[in-house]
Amino acid sequence: MYDNVLKSFENFWQSVITRLPDILVSVIVLVVFIVLGKLIYRVFKQRMQTRWKDSLISSFMSELIKWGIYIIGITVALFNLGLGGVASSLIAGAGVTAIIIGFAFKDIAENFLAGILLAINRPFKIGDIIEVSGIKGPVSGLDLRTTQVKMVDGRDIFIPNSTVIKNVFTNYTRDGLLRLEFILGIDTFSDIEMVRKIVLDHLAKQKDILKKPLANVTMEEFGESSITIKVVFWIDIFKDKKEDQVLLGEPVKSRMMREIKDLLIENGINMPAQIIEHKMYVADEPLTIKSK
C-alpha cells in the first residue's frame, strides 16, 4: 500500500512538472487580469464620480466591472490548464446559485435594484425634502437598500428603496420653490378689497417672500359666521440655508399668520368665532341668565 501511495505521488509530481509552463502562464494571466481589474476599477470609479457626483452608483458599477474582469481571468486561466469543463461548471453553478439566491432574497434584491435605479435616475439628492407613504422630511442618506429620511422630530426613518420606486413620492425642493398657504375668516360685513390690499402690501415688504410668482389673496367661501380668505405666497428654500427655510418654511408661514392677524385687528377687521346656538329641550324649566 505504501508503494502505491508513493507511486501515485510521484506520478502527480511528474504531471505537475510537465504542466509547469501551463501553470506559470495561467498564474501570470490571472495576475494580469487582477491588476487590470484594479486599474480599471480606479479609473472608472474616478470618472463616474466626476461625472455623476454620486459615490454610491460609481462604487457599485466599478465593483461590478472589476469582478467581471476577475471572472474572465479565472476562466481563461482554467481553460489554459485544460480545465474548461471545470470553468463551465463553475459558471453554470454560479448562474444556478444566483437564481436560488434571487428567489430566497427577493425583497433584498428588489431593494438593491431599486437603489441602483434611484442613483442613476436621481429623482432627488441628499438634502431634498421628499414625502413617500406618509413619511416627510429631508433625505439624509441613500444606499443600495434604503433611503434615509430625517424627520422634524429628530427620528431617522429608513425607507426601503422599492417603496420609493413603486409608490408616488413628492419632492418639495427639486427647484427650491415652495408655495405656502393658509386661510383666515373675516367678518361678513368686512371690506374684502381692503383686506386684500392690507395682506398683499404686507407680503410685498417681506424679503423671505418671492416677488415672482406673485402672492395672492382670494375669497374661498361664505361660512356660517365669516368669509373664508385664502392667502398664498412663495418662498425659495435654497436662498437661505437657515433651519427655518429647510423645514419647509413653516416658521415663515407661522410668522406671516401672526403678523397678518395683528394687522387686520389694527385696521378694525373682525375675525369672529363660530356662533353656537343653545337650545332648551325642557321648556317648563326657566332659563337663568346672570350678568355682571
Protein backbone atom coordinates (compact mmCIF):
# COMPACT_ATOMS: atom_id res chain seq x y z
CA MET A 1 0.00 0.00 0.00
CA TYR A 2 2.86 2.37 0.83
CA ASP A 3 4.38 1.73 -2.59
CA ASN A 4 1.08 2.54 -4.29
CA VAL A 5 0.76 5.83 -2.43
CA LEU A 6 4.37 6.75 -3.23
CA LYS A 7 3.87 5.86 -6.88
CA SER A 8 0.71 7.97 -7.07
CA PHE A 9 2.54 10.91 -5.52
CA GLU A 10 5.43 10.51 -7.99
CA ASN A 11 3.00 10.42 -10.90
CA PHE A 12 1.25 13.53 -9.62
CA TRP A 13 4.53 15.38 -9.14
CA GLN A 14 5.68 14.34 -12.60
CA SER A 15 2.42 15.68 -14.11
CA VAL A 16 2.87 18.94 -12.23
CA ILE A 17 6.41 19.34 -13.57
CA THR A 18 5.18 18.51 -17.08
CA ARG A 19 2.38 21.09 -16.83
CA LEU A 20 4.56 23.66 -15.05
CA PRO A 21 4.78 26.00 -18.08
CA ASP A 22 1.00 25.97 -18.43
CA ILE A 23 0.59 26.60 -14.69
CA LEU A 24 3.00 29.54 -14.80
CA VAL A 25 1.22 31.00 -17.82
CA SER A 26 -2.14 30.61 -16.07
CA VAL A 27 -0.83 32.29 -12.91
CA ILE A 28 0.60 35.15 -14.98
CA VAL A 29 -2.70 35.53 -16.85
CA LEU A 30 -4.61 35.58 -13.57
CA VAL A 31 -2.27 38.19 -12.05
CA VAL A 32 -2.53 40.34 -15.18
CA PHE A 33 -6.33 40.25 -15.05
CA ILE A 34 -6.32 41.09 -11.32
CA VAL A 35 -4.03 44.08 -11.88
CA LEU A 36 -6.08 45.12 -14.90
CA GLY A 37 -9.30 44.86 -12.87
CA LYS A 38 -7.91 47.04 -10.07
CA LEU A 39 -6.62 49.61 -12.54
CA ILE A 40 -9.89 49.82 -14.46
CA TYR A 41 -11.76 49.96 -11.14
CA ARG A 42 -9.86 53.06 -10.03
CA VAL A 43 -10.06 54.88 -13.38
CA PHE A 44 -13.73 54.05 -13.95
CA LYS A 45 -14.75 55.00 -10.42
CA GLN A 46 -12.93 58.31 -10.61
CA ARG A 47 -14.51 59.25 -13.94
CA MET A 48 -18.00 58.21 -12.87
CA GLN A 49 -17.63 60.10 -9.61
CA THR A 50 -16.62 63.22 -11.52
CA ARG A 51 -19.47 62.89 -13.99
CA TRP A 52 -22.36 61.80 -11.80
CA LYS A 53 -21.30 63.20 -8.42
CA ASP A 54 -22.63 60.04 -6.81
CA SER A 55 -20.31 57.76 -4.83
CA LEU A 56 -22.98 55.05 -4.50
CA ILE A 57 -23.50 54.23 -8.16
CA SER A 58 -19.86 54.85 -9.10
CA SER A 59 -18.65 52.39 -6.45
CA PHE A 60 -21.23 49.78 -7.44
CA MET A 61 -20.54 49.94 -11.18
CA SER A 62 -16.79 49.94 -10.61
CA GLU A 63 -17.02 46.88 -8.36
CA LEU A 64 -19.20 45.13 -10.95
CA ILE A 65 -16.67 45.75 -13.73
CA LYS A 66 -13.74 44.73 -11.54
CA TRP A 67 -15.28 41.39 -10.56
CA GLY A 68 -16.31 40.80 -14.15
CA ILE A 69 -12.68 41.12 -15.19
CA TYR A 70 -11.63 38.79 -12.34
CA ILE A 71 -14.08 36.13 -13.51
CA ILE A 72 -12.82 36.41 -17.08
CA GLY A 73 -9.23 36.00 -15.85
CA ILE A 74 -10.13 32.90 -13.80
CA THR A 75 -11.97 31.38 -16.77
CA VAL A 76 -9.04 31.99 -19.16
CA ALA A 77 -6.58 30.52 -16.65
CA LEU A 78 -8.69 27.35 -16.18
CA PHE A 79 -9.09 26.86 -19.93
CA ASN A 80 -5.32 27.24 -20.36
CA LEU A 81 -4.82 24.42 -17.87
CA GLY A 82 -7.23 22.23 -19.79
CA LEU A 83 -9.89 22.61 -17.13
CA GLY A 84 -12.53 24.06 -19.43
CA GLY A 85 -15.11 21.66 -18.02
CA VAL A 86 -14.43 22.94 -14.50
CA ALA A 87 -14.75 26.52 -15.71
CA SER A 88 -18.05 25.75 -17.44
CA SER A 89 -19.34 24.02 -14.31
CA LEU A 90 -18.37 26.99 -12.16
CA ILE A 91 -20.14 29.41 -14.48
CA ALA A 92 -23.25 27.22 -14.65
CA GLY A 93 -23.18 26.71 -10.88
CA ALA A 94 -22.86 30.46 -10.34
CA GLY A 95 -25.90 31.03 -12.52
CA VAL A 96 -27.99 28.48 -10.66
CA THR A 97 -26.78 29.85 -7.33
CA ALA A 98 -27.72 33.37 -8.40
CA ILE A 99 -31.24 32.20 -9.29
CA ILE A 100 -31.66 30.40 -5.95
CA ILE A 101 -30.37 33.39 -4.01
CA GLY A 102 -32.60 35.68 -6.05
CA PHE A 103 -35.72 33.73 -5.05
CA ALA A 104 -34.62 33.37 -1.44
CA PHE A 105 -33.80 37.06 -1.02
CA LYS A 106 -36.36 38.58 -3.36
CA ASP A 107 -37.08 41.63 -1.24
CA ILE A 108 -33.40 42.39 -0.68
CA ALA A 109 -32.67 42.02 -4.39
CA GLU A 110 -35.65 44.24 -5.20
CA ASN A 111 -34.42 46.99 -2.87
CA PHE A 112 -30.90 46.55 -4.25
CA LEU A 113 -32.03 47.10 -7.85
CA ALA A 114 -34.29 49.97 -6.77
CA GLY A 115 -31.30 51.66 -5.11
CA ILE A 116 -29.36 51.43 -8.38
CA LEU A 117 -32.28 52.96 -10.30
CA LEU A 118 -32.58 55.80 -7.77
CA ALA A 119 -28.87 56.52 -8.00
CA ILE A 120 -28.99 56.56 -11.83
CA ASN A 121 -32.27 58.45 -12.33
CA ARG A 122 -31.61 60.82 -9.41
CA PRO A 123 -35.20 61.94 -8.69
CA PHE A 124 -33.82 63.55 -5.55
CA LYS A 125 -30.49 64.34 -3.98
CA ILE A 126 -29.18 64.44 -0.44
CA GLY A 127 -30.88 67.31 1.37
CA ASP A 128 -34.05 67.37 -0.75
CA ILE A 129 -37.31 67.23 1.18
CA ILE A 130 -39.49 64.37 -0.01
CA GLU A 131 -42.71 62.67 1.06
CA VAL A 132 -43.44 59.00 0.41
CA SER A 133 -46.04 56.77 2.06
CA GLY A 134 -46.86 59.49 4.59
CA ILE A 135 -43.20 59.99 5.62
CA LYS A 136 -41.99 63.53 5.03
CA GLY A 137 -38.57 65.07 5.64
CA PRO A 138 -35.14 65.83 4.15
CA VAL A 139 -33.12 62.98 2.65
CA SER A 140 -30.03 62.43 4.78
CA GLY A 141 -28.66 59.27 3.14
CA LEU A 142 -29.07 56.78 0.31
CA ASP A 143 -27.56 53.32 -0.03
CA LEU A 144 -28.32 50.28 -2.16
CA ARG A 145 -31.09 49.08 0.18
CA THR A 146 -32.71 52.05 1.93
CA THR A 147 -33.34 55.78 1.68
CA GLN A 148 -32.76 57.60 4.98
CA VAL A 149 -35.13 60.46 5.84
CA LYS A 150 -34.61 62.78 8.81
CA MET A 151 -37.92 63.65 10.46
CA VAL A 152 -38.62 67.04 12.00
CA ASP A 153 -38.76 65.48 15.48
CA GLY A 154 -35.25 64.03 15.06
CA ARG A 155 -36.18 60.47 14.10
CA ASP A 156 -34.29 58.76 11.28
CA ILE A 157 -36.63 56.76 9.04
CA PHE A 158 -35.14 54.15 6.69
CA ILE A 159 -37.48 53.61 3.73
CA PRO A 160 -36.90 50.52 1.53
CA ASN A 161 -35.85 51.69 -1.92
CA SER A 162 -38.50 49.52 -3.56
CA THR A 163 -41.16 51.51 -1.65
CA VAL A 164 -39.79 54.75 -3.10
CA ILE A 165 -39.72 53.30 -6.61
CA LYS A 166 -43.18 51.68 -6.56
CA ASN A 167 -45.10 54.49 -4.83
CA VAL A 168 -45.81 58.08 -5.77
CA PHE A 169 -43.48 60.37 -3.85
CA THR A 170 -43.28 64.15 -3.68
CA ASN A 171 -40.08 66.18 -3.96
CA TYR A 172 -40.76 69.56 -2.36
CA THR A 173 -37.36 71.07 -3.08
CA ARG A 174 -36.28 69.97 -6.55
CA ASP A 175 -36.15 73.57 -7.84
CA GLY A 176 -36.17 75.33 -4.46
CA LEU A 177 -39.61 76.91 -4.95
CA LEU A 178 -42.21 76.16 -2.32
CA ARG A 179 -45.76 77.52 -2.09
CA LEU A 180 -47.19 78.20 1.34
CA GLU A 181 -50.81 79.00 2.09
CA PHE A 182 -53.22 79.49 4.94
CA ILE A 183 -56.84 80.53 5.39
CA LEU A 184 -58.47 83.05 7.71
CA GLY A 185 -62.01 84.06 8.46
CA ILE A 186 -63.17 87.69 8.45
CA ASP A 187 -66.45 89.27 9.40
CA THR A 188 -69.19 89.08 6.76
CA PHE A 189 -69.50 92.88 6.59
CA SER A 190 -65.73 93.45 6.12
CA ASP A 191 -64.38 95.18 3.02
CA ILE A 192 -62.72 92.33 1.15
CA GLU A 193 -60.73 94.61 -1.17
CA MET A 194 -59.30 96.45 1.81
CA VAL A 195 -58.34 93.12 3.39
CA ARG A 196 -56.63 92.04 0.15
CA LYS A 197 -54.68 95.29 -0.02
CA ILE A 198 -53.54 95.07 3.61
CA VAL A 199 -52.35 91.48 3.22
CA LEU A 200 -50.67 91.92 -0.20
CA ASP A 201 -48.90 95.12 0.86
CA HIS A 202 -47.51 93.35 3.91
CA LEU A 203 -46.35 90.32 1.90
CA ALA A 204 -44.67 92.57 -0.67
CA LYS A 205 -42.43 94.05 2.06
CA GLN A 206 -41.10 90.66 3.22
CA LYS A 207 -37.63 89.68 1.96
CA ASP A 208 -38.34 85.98 2.56
CA ILE A 209 -41.29 86.01 0.15
CA LEU A 210 -40.69 85.93 -3.61
CA LYS A 211 -41.98 88.65 -5.92
CA LYS A 212 -42.35 86.05 -8.70
CA PRO A 213 -44.55 84.04 -8.56
CA LEU A 214 -46.78 86.72 -7.10
CA ALA A 215 -48.55 86.32 -3.79
CA ASN A 216 -52.33 86.26 -3.96
CA VAL A 217 -55.36 86.64 -1.71
CA THR A 218 -58.66 85.09 -2.78
CA MET A 219 -62.11 84.63 -1.28
CA GLU A 220 -62.81 80.93 -0.88
CA GLU A 221 -66.33 80.58 0.56
CA PHE A 222 -69.05 82.02 2.75
CA GLY A 223 -69.12 80.48 6.19
CA GLU A 224 -71.83 80.48 8.85
CA SER A 225 -70.29 83.42 10.66
CA SER A 226 -67.44 84.60 8.42
CA ILE A 227 -65.98 84.81 4.93
CA THR A 228 -63.05 82.47 4.29
CA ILE A 229 -59.99 84.16 2.78
CA LYS A 230 -57.05 82.20 1.34
CA VAL A 231 -53.53 83.67 1.40
CA VAL A 232 -50.92 82.18 -0.96
CA PHE A 233 -47.23 83.09 -1.32
CA TRP A 234 -43.94 81.52 -2.46
CA ILE A 235 -40.51 81.14 -0.87
CA ASP A 236 -37.15 79.90 -2.13
CA ILE A 237 -35.71 77.45 0.37
CA PHE A 238 -32.31 77.47 -1.39
CA LYS A 239 -31.96 81.22 -0.95
CA ASP A 240 -31.16 80.89 2.72
CA LYS A 241 -29.87 77.72 4.37
CA LYS A 242 -31.24 78.58 7.79
CA GLU A 243 -33.07 75.87 9.65
CA ASP A 244 -36.44 77.58 9.27
CA GLN A 245 -36.07 77.51 5.48
CA VAL A 246 -35.01 73.88 5.33
CA LEU A 247 -38.02 72.75 7.36
CA LEU A 248 -40.47 73.64 4.58
CA GLY A 249 -40.73 77.27 5.62
CA GLU A 250 -43.19 76.60 8.42
CA PRO A 251 -41.74 79.32 10.69
CA VAL A 252 -42.15 81.81 7.80
CA LYS A 253 -45.75 80.74 7.40
CA SER A 254 -46.37 81.00 11.15
CA ARG A 255 -44.85 84.48 11.28
CA MET A 256 -46.97 85.68 8.36
CA MET A 257 -50.13 84.35 10.01
CA ARG A 258 -49.33 86.14 13.26
CA GLU A 259 -48.38 89.45 11.62
CA ILE A 260 -51.39 89.49 9.29
CA LYS A 261 -53.73 88.72 12.18
CA ASP A 262 -52.34 91.69 14.11
CA LEU A 263 -52.62 93.96 11.05
CA LEU A 264 -56.25 93.07 10.46
CA ILE A 265 -57.16 93.72 14.09
CA GLU A 266 -55.33 97.08 13.97
CA ASN A 267 -57.37 98.06 10.90
CA GLY A 268 -60.67 97.14 12.52
CA ILE A 269 -61.21 93.86 10.67
CA ASN A 270 -63.05 91.40 12.90
CA MET A 271 -62.34 87.69 12.79
CA PRO A 272 -65.40 86.25 14.56
CA ALA A 273 -65.51 82.91 16.26
CA GLN A 274 -68.02 80.21 15.44
CA ILE A 275 -71.59 81.02 16.53
CA ILE A 276 -73.04 78.49 18.98
CA GLU A 277 -76.81 78.16 19.41
CA HIS A 278 -78.03 76.94 22.81
CA LYS A 279 -81.32 75.02 22.76
CA MET A 280 -83.51 74.29 25.79
CA TYR A 281 -85.14 70.88 25.37
CA VAL A 282 -87.08 71.15 28.67
CA ALA A 283 -89.46 74.05 28.00
CA ASP A 284 -91.02 74.06 31.51
CA GLU A 285 -87.76 74.99 33.22
CA PRO A 286 -86.88 78.70 33.16
CA LEU A 287 -83.55 79.80 31.69
CA THR A 288 -81.46 81.63 34.28
CA ILE A 289 -79.24 84.39 32.91
CA LYS A 290 -76.62 86.04 35.06
CA SER A 291 -74.98 89.30 34.07
CA LYS A 292 -72.08 91.09 35.63
